[in-house]
Amino acid sequence: MAKLQSLETFSLHETENGYRLLVSAVGGDALYVEITPAQMDDIIESLEAAMGGEEEEGVEEDEAF
């Protein structure tokens, strides 16, 4: 299993075949990962689920007072 490290930087660039993601950890080496469009869709869906899902358009959350 890979060692868990804190994220230092990341960048995402579109390529002819999908995307190129550069990730570097604090005190670690950089890693380039090639991502297909289908994988990017899966990543976006995972991030949306982690953040509580998509909000419906035109619907705002009530603010707590």
PDB file of N, CA and C in Angstrom:
ATOM      1  N   MET A   1       0.850  -1.182   0.000  1.00  0.00           N
ATOM      2  CA  MET A   1       0.000   0.000   0.000  1.00  0.00           C
ATOM      3  C   MET A   1       0.892   1.240   0.000  1.00  0.00           C
ATOM      4  N   ALA A   2       0.465   2.259  -0.708  1.00  0.00           N
ATOM      5  CA  ALA A   2       1.227   3.499  -0.816  1.00  0.00           C
ATOM      6  C   ALA A   2       1.185   4.267   0.501  1.00  0.00           C
ATOM      7  N   LYS A   3       2.272   4.966   0.790  1.00  0.00           N
ATOM      8  CA  LYS A   3       2.357   5.797   1.986  1.00  0.00           C
ATOM      9  C   LYS A   3       1.473   7.035   1.821  1.00  0.00           C
ATOM     10  N   LEU A   4       0.681   7.350   2.842  1.00  0.00           N
ATOM     11  CA  LEU A   4      -0.175   8.529   2.812  1.00  0.00           C
ATOM     12  C   LEU A   4       0.663   9.776   3.074  1.00  0.00           C
ATOM     13  N   GLN A   5       0.583  10.743   2.151  1.00  0.00           N
ATOM     14  CA  GLN A   5       1.328  11.990   2.264  1.00  0.00           C
ATOM     15  C   GLN A   5       0.384  13.152   2.042  1.00  0.00           C
ATOM     16  N   SER A   6       0.725  14.304   2.593  1.00  0.00           N
ATOM     17  CA  SER A   6      -0.086  15.508   2.401  1.00  0.00           C
ATOM     18  C   SER A   6       0.133  16.091   1.015  1.00  0.00           C
ATOM     19  N   LEU A   7      -0.952  16.512   0.389  1.00  0.00           N
ATOM     20  CA  LEU A   7      -0.893  17.116  -0.935  1.00  0.00           C
ATOM     21  C   LEU A   7      -0.225  18.479  -0.853  1.00  0.00           C
ATOM     22  N   GLU A   8       0.721  18.705  -1.743  1.00  0.00           N
ATOM     23  CA  GLU A   8       1.360  20.021  -1.829  1.00  0.00           C
ATOM     24  C   GLU A   8       0.783  20.813  -2.993  1.00  0.00           C
ATOM     25  N   THR A   9       0.796  20.233  -4.180  1.00  0.00           N
ATOM     26  CA  THR A   9       0.253  20.906  -5.362  1.00  0.00           C
ATOM     27  C   THR A   9      -0.357  19.887  -6.321  1.00  0.00           C
ATOM     28  N   PHE A  10      -1.224  20.392  -7.185  1.00  0.00           N
ATOM     29  CA  PHE A  10      -1.728  19.586  -8.290  1.00  0.00           C
ATOM     30  C   PHE A  10      -2.071  20.512  -9.437  1.00  0.00           C
ATOM     31  N   SER A  11      -2.027  19.965 -10.637  1.00  0.00           N
ATOM     32  CA  SER A  11      -2.464  20.719 -11.804  1.00  0.00           C
ATOM     33  C   SER A  11      -3.066  19.734 -12.796  1.00  0.00           C
ATOM     34  N   LEU A  12      -4.039  20.206 -13.536  1.00  0.00           N
ATOM     35  CA  LEU A  12      -4.753  19.387 -14.491  1.00  0.00           C
ATOM     36  C   LEU A  12      -4.713  20.084 -15.840  1.00  0.00           C
ATOM     37  N   HIS A  13      -4.330  19.331 -16.864  1.00  0.00           N
ATOM     38  CA  HIS A  13      -4.255  19.886 -18.214  1.00  0.00           C
ATOM     39  C   HIS A  13      -4.972  18.951 -19.175  1.00  0.00           C
ATOM     40  N   GLU A  14      -5.724  19.540 -20.090  1.00  0.00           N
ATOM     41  CA  GLU A  14      -6.405  18.747 -21.113  1.00  0.00           C
ATOM     42  C   GLU A  14      -5.402  18.347 -22.184  1.00  0.00           C
ATOM     43  N   THR A  15      -5.501  17.098 -22.644  1.00  0.00           N
ATOM     44  CA  THR A  15      -4.638  16.588 -23.709  1.00  0.00           C
ATOM     45  C   THR A  15      -5.514  16.088 -24.847  1.00  0.00           C
ATOM     46  N   GLU A  16      -4.897  15.617 -25.921  1.00  0.00           N
ATOM     47  CA  GLU A  16      -5.645  15.087 -27.059  1.00  0.00           C
ATOM     48  C   GLU A  16      -6.457  13.853 -26.671  1.00  0.00           C
ATOM     49  N   ASN A  17      -5.941  13.066 -25.714  1.00  0.00           N
ATOM     50  CA  ASN A  17      -6.580  11.805 -25.332  1.00  0.00           C
ATOM     51  C   ASN A  17      -7.338  11.869 -24.015  1.00  0.00           C
ATOM     52  N   GLY A  18      -7.381  13.020 -23.385  1.00  0.00           N
ATOM     53  CA  GLY A  18      -8.061  13.134 -22.095  1.00  0.00           C
ATOM     54  C   GLY A  18      -7.443  14.241 -21.263  1.00  0.00           C
ATOM     55  N   TYR A  19      -6.803  13.836 -20.154  1.00  0.00           N
ATOM     56  CA  TYR A  19      -6.238  14.815 -19.225  1.00  0.00           C
ATOM     57  C   TYR A  19      -4.918  14.308 -18.672  1.00  0.00           C
ATOM     58  N   ARG A  20      -4.083  15.238 -18.237  1.00  0.00           N
ATOM     59  CA  ARG A  20      -2.832  14.919 -17.548  1.00  0.00           C
ATOM     60  C   ARG A  20      -2.888  15.595 -16.197  1.00  0.00           C
ATOM     61  N   LEU A  21      -2.754  14.804 -15.142  1.00  0.00           N
ATOM     62  CA  LEU A  21      -2.797  15.306 -13.783  1.00  0.00           C
ATOM     63  C   LEU A  21      -1.405  15.209 -13.181  1.00  0.00           C
ATOM     64  N   LEU A  22      -0.933  16.308 -12.622  1.00  0.00           N
ATOM     65  CA  LEU A  22       0.345  16.347 -11.912  1.00  0.00           C
ATOM     66  C   LEU A  22       0.031  16.517 -10.439  1.00  0.00           C
ATOM     67  N   VAL A  23       0.541  15.608  -9.615  1.00  0.00           N
ATOM     68  CA  VAL A  23       0.327  15.650  -8.173  1.00  0.00           C
ATOM     69  C   VAL A  23       1.676  15.594  -7.492  1.00  0.00           C
ATOM     70  N   SER A  24       1.869  16.443  -6.485  1.00  0.00           N
ATOM     71  CA  SER A  24       3.094  16.341  -5.696  1.00  0.00           C
ATOM     72  C   SER A  24       2.739  16.428  -4.220  1.00  0.00           C
ATOM     73  N   ALA A  25       3.449  15.642  -3.429  1.00  0.00           N
ATOM     74  CA  ALA A  25       3.232  15.602  -1.989  1.00  0.00           C
ATOM     75  C   ALA A  25       4.292  16.445  -1.296  1.00  0.00           C
ATOM     76  N   VAL A  26       3.982  16.907  -0.099  1.00  0.00           N
ATOM     77  CA  VAL A  26       4.935  17.682   0.691  1.00  0.00           C
ATOM     78  C   VAL A  26       6.168  16.801   0.910  1.00  0.00           C
ATOM     79  N   GLY A  27       7.321  17.282   0.470  1.00  0.00           N
ATOM     80  CA  GLY A  27       8.567  16.548   0.638  1.00  0.00           C
ATOM     81  C   GLY A  27       8.709  15.335  -0.258  1.00  0.00           C
ATOM     82  N   GLY A  28       7.820  15.183  -1.241  1.00  0.00           N
ATOM     83  CA  GLY A  28       7.866  14.009  -2.112  1.00  0.00           C
ATOM     84  C   GLY A  28       8.059  14.372  -3.564  1.00  0.00           C
ATOM     85  N   ASP A  29       8.175  13.349  -4.373  1.00  0.00           N
ATOM     86  CA  ASP A  29       8.329  13.538  -5.811  1.00  0.00           C
ATOM     87  C   ASP A  29       6.984  13.812  -6.467  1.00  0.00           C
ATOM     88  N   ALA A  30       7.048  14.378  -7.666  1.00  0.00           N
ATOM     89  CA  ALA A  30       5.847  14.637  -8.451  1.00  0.00           C
ATOM     90  C   ALA A  30       5.473  13.376  -9.219  1.00  0.00           C
ATOM     91  N   LEU A  31       4.179  13.227  -9.472  1.00  0.00           N
ATOM     92  CA  LEU A  31       3.660  12.083 -10.205  1.00  0.00           C
ATOM     93  C   LEU A  31       2.714  12.589 -11.281  1.00  0.00           C
ATOM     94  N   TYR A  32       2.965  12.199 -12.528  1.00  0.00           N
ATOM     95  CA  TYR A  32       2.050  12.507 -13.626  1.00  0.00           C
ATOM     96  C   TYR A  32       1.146  11.308 -13.848  1.00  0.00           C
ATOM     97  N   VAL A  33      -0.156  11.564 -14.027  1.00  0.00           N
ATOM     98  CA  VAL A  33      -1.131  10.506 -14.277  1.00  0.00           C
ATOM     99  C   VAL A  33      -1.944  10.904 -15.499  1.00  0.00           C
ATOM    100  N   GLU A  34      -2.089   9.961 -16.441  1.00  0.00           N
ATOM    101  CA  GLU A  34      -2.937  10.194 -17.606  1.00  0.00           C
ATOM    102  C   GLU A  34      -4.343   9.720 -17.271  1.00  0.00           C
ATOM    103  N   ILE A  35      -5.356  10.540 -17.555  1.00  0.00           N
ATOM    104  CA  ILE A  35      -6.736  10.246 -17.199  1.00  0.00           C
ATOM    105  C   ILE A  35      -7.594  10.289 -18.458  1.00  0.00           C
ATOM    106  N   THR A  36      -8.383   9.255 -18.668  1.00  0.00           N
ATOM    107  CA  THR A  36      -9.292   9.236 -19.816  1.00  0.00           C
ATOM    108  C   THR A  36     -10.516  10.090 -19.494  1.00  0.00           C
ATOM    109  N   PRO A  37     -11.256  10.498 -20.520  1.00  0.00           N
ATOM    110  CA  PRO A  37     -12.486  11.256 -20.256  1.00  0.00           C
ATOM    111  C   PRO A  37     -13.467  10.490 -19.347  1.00  0.00           C
ATOM    112  N   ALA A  38     -13.591   9.179 -19.521  1.00  0.00           N
ATOM    113  CA  ALA A  38     -14.490   8.388 -18.674  1.00  0.00           C
ATOM    114  C   ALA A  38     -14.009   8.382 -17.221  1.00  0.00           C
ATOM    115  N   GLN A  39     -12.701   8.286 -17.024  1.00  0.00           N
ATOM    116  CA  GLN A  39     -12.157   8.329 -15.669  1.00  0.00           C
ATOM    117  C   GLN A  39     -12.389   9.702 -15.044  1.00  0.00           C
ATOM    118  N   MET A  40     -12.270  10.765 -15.847  1.00  0.00           N
ATOM    119  CA  MET A  40     -12.518  12.117 -15.335  1.00  0.00           C
ATOM    120  C   MET A  40     -13.966  12.250 -14.890  1.00  0.00           C
ATOM    121  N   ASP A  41     -14.902  11.688 -15.656  1.00  0.00           N
ATOM    122  CA  ASP A  41     -16.309  11.702 -15.250  1.00  0.00           C
ATOM    123  C   ASP A  41     -16.483  11.000 -13.909  1.00  0.00           C
ATOM    124  N   ASP A  42     -15.813   9.856 -13.729  1.00  0.00           N
ATOM    125  CA  ASP A  42     -15.893   9.124 -12.457  1.00  0.00           C
ATOM    126  C   ASP A  42     -15.313   9.939 -11.306  1.00  0.00           C
ATOM    127  N   ILE A  43     -14.205  10.629 -11.555  1.00  0.00           N
ATOM    128  CA  ILE A  43     -13.582  11.475 -10.529  1.00  0.00           C
ATOM    129  C   ILE A  43     -14.535  12.595 -10.128  1.00  0.00           C
ATOM    130  N   ILE A  44     -15.138  13.245 -11.117  1.00  0.00           N
ATOM    131  CA  ILE A  44     -16.078  14.344 -10.843  1.00  0.00           C
ATOM    132  C   ILE A  44     -17.261  13.841 -10.030  1.00  0.00           C
ATOM    133  N   GLU A  45     -17.819  12.694 -10.405  1.00  0.00           N
ATOM    134  CA  GLU A  45     -18.944  12.120  -9.657  1.00  0.00           C
ATOM    135  C   GLU A  45     -18.542  11.793  -8.224  1.00  0.00           C
ATOM    136  N   SER A  46     -17.339  11.268  -8.030  1.00  0.00           N
ATOM    137  CA  SER A  46     -16.856  10.952  -6.683  1.00  0.00           C
ATOM    138  C   SER A  46     -16.690  12.209  -5.844  1.00  0.00           C
ATOM    139  N   LEU A  47     -16.156  13.264  -6.452  1.00  0.00           N
ATOM    140  CA  LEU A  47     -15.987  14.525  -5.733  1.00  0.00           C
ATOM    141  C   LEU A  47     -17.336  15.132  -5.366  1.00  0.00           C
ATOM    142  N   GLU A  48     -18.293  15.081  -6.288  1.00  0.00           N
ATOM    143  CA  GLU A  48     -19.630  15.606  -5.999  1.00  0.00           C
ATOM    144  C   GLU A  48     -20.277  14.834  -4.853  1.00  0.00           C
ATOM    145  N   ALA A  49     -20.122  13.510  -4.861  1.00  0.00           N
ATOM    146  CA  ALA A  49     -20.690  12.693  -3.784  1.00  0.00           C
ATOM    147  C   ALA A  49     -20.020  13.013  -2.451  1.00  0.00           C
ATOM    148  N   ALA A  50     -18.716  13.225  -2.459  1.00  0.00           N
ATOM    149  CA  ALA A  50     -17.987  13.547  -1.230  1.00  0.00           C
ATOM    150  C   ALA A  50     -18.391  14.913  -0.683  1.00  0.00           C
ATOM    151  N   MET A  51     -18.781  15.817  -1.586  1.00  0.00           N
ATOM    152  CA  MET A  51     -19.163  17.171  -1.180  1.00  0.00           C
ATOM    153  C   MET A  51     -20.668  17.281  -0.913  1.00  0.00           C
ATOM    154  N   GLY A  52     -21.389  16.178  -0.968  1.00  0.00           N
ATOM    155  CA  GLY A  52     -22.816  16.207  -0.665  1.00  0.00           C
ATOM    156  C   GLY A  52     -23.702  16.204  -1.884  1.00  0.00           C
ATOM    157  N   GLY A  53     -23.163  15.947  -3.051  1.00  0.00           N
ATOM    158  CA  GLY A  53     -23.978  15.876  -4.263  1.00  0.00           C
ATOM    159  C   GLY A  53     -24.184  17.230  -4.897  1.00  0.00           C
ATOM    160  N   GLU A  54     -24.784  17.203  -6.074  1.00  0.00           N
ATOM    161  CA  GLU A  54     -25.071  18.433  -6.813  1.00  0.00           C
ATOM    162  C   GLU A  54     -26.307  19.098  -6.229  1.00  0.00           C
ATOM    163  N   GLU A  55     -26.272  20.420  -6.168  1.00  0.00           N
ATOM    164  CA  GLU A  55     -27.457  21.164  -5.760  1.00  0.00           C
ATOM    165  C   GLU A  55     -28.334  21.360  -6.996  1.00  0.00           C
ATOM    166  N   GLU A  56     -29.633  21.344  -6.768  1.00  0.00           N
ATOM    167  CA  GLU A  56     -30.539  21.596  -7.880  1.00  0.00           C
ATOM    168  C   GLU A  56     -30.429  23.049  -8.289  1.00  0.00           C
ATOM    169  N   GLU A  57     -30.503  23.295  -9.584  1.00  0.00           N
ATOM    170  CA  GLU A  57     -30.391  24.650 -10.099  1.00  0.00           C
ATOM    171  C   GLU A  57     -31.548  25.497  -9.577  1.00  0.00           C
ATOM    172  N   GLY A  58     -31.225  26.667  -9.064  1.00  0.00           N
ATOM    173  CA  GLY A  58     -32.228  27.580  -8.564  1.00  0.00           C
ATOM    174  C   GLY A  58     -32.655  27.317  -7.133  1.00  0.00           C
ATOM    175  N   VAL A  59     -32.085  26.292  -6.509  1.00  0.00           N
ATOM    176  CA  VAL A  59     -32.418  25.975  -5.116  1.00  0.00           C
ATOM    177  C   VAL A  59     -31.220  26.305  -4.253  1.00  0.00           C
ATOM    178  N   GLU A  60     -31.444  27.173  -3.273  1.00  0.00           N
ATOM    179  CA  GLU A  60     -30.370  27.547  -2.366  1.00  0.00           C
ATOM    180  C   GLU A  60     -30.627  26.939  -0.999  1.00  0.00           C
ATOM    181  N   GLU A  61     -29.531  26.604  -0.289  1.00  0.00           N
ATOM    182  CA  GLU A  61     -29.676  26.081   1.056  1.00  0.00           C
ATOM    183  C   GLU A  61     -30.053  27.215   2.002  1.00  0.00           C
ATOM    184  N   ASP A  62     -30.891  26.898   2.986  1.00  0.00           N
ATOM    185  CA  ASP A  62     -31.239  27.890   4.002  1.00  0.00           C
ATOM    186  C   ASP A  62     -30.027  28.145   4.889  1.00  0.00           C
ATOM    187  N   GLU A  63     -29.816  29.409   5.233  1.00  0.00           N
ATOM    188  CA  GLU A  63     -28.731  29.731   6.147  1.00  0.00           C
ATOM    189  C   GLU A  63     -29.222  29.581   7.572  1.00  0.00           C
ATOM    190  N   ALA A  64     -28.375  29.010   8.425  1.00  0.00           N
ATOM    191  CA  ALA A  64     -28.731  28.863   9.837  1.00  0.00           C
ATOM    192  C   ALA A  64     -28.419  30.167  10.563  1.00  0.00           C
ATOM    193  N   PHE A  65     -29.325  30.550  11.463  1.00  0.00           N
ATOM    194  CA  PHE A  65     -29.110  31.771  12.260  1.00  0.00           C
ATOM    195  C   PHE A  65     -28.976  31.419  13.700  1.00  0.00           C
TER     196      PHE A  65
END
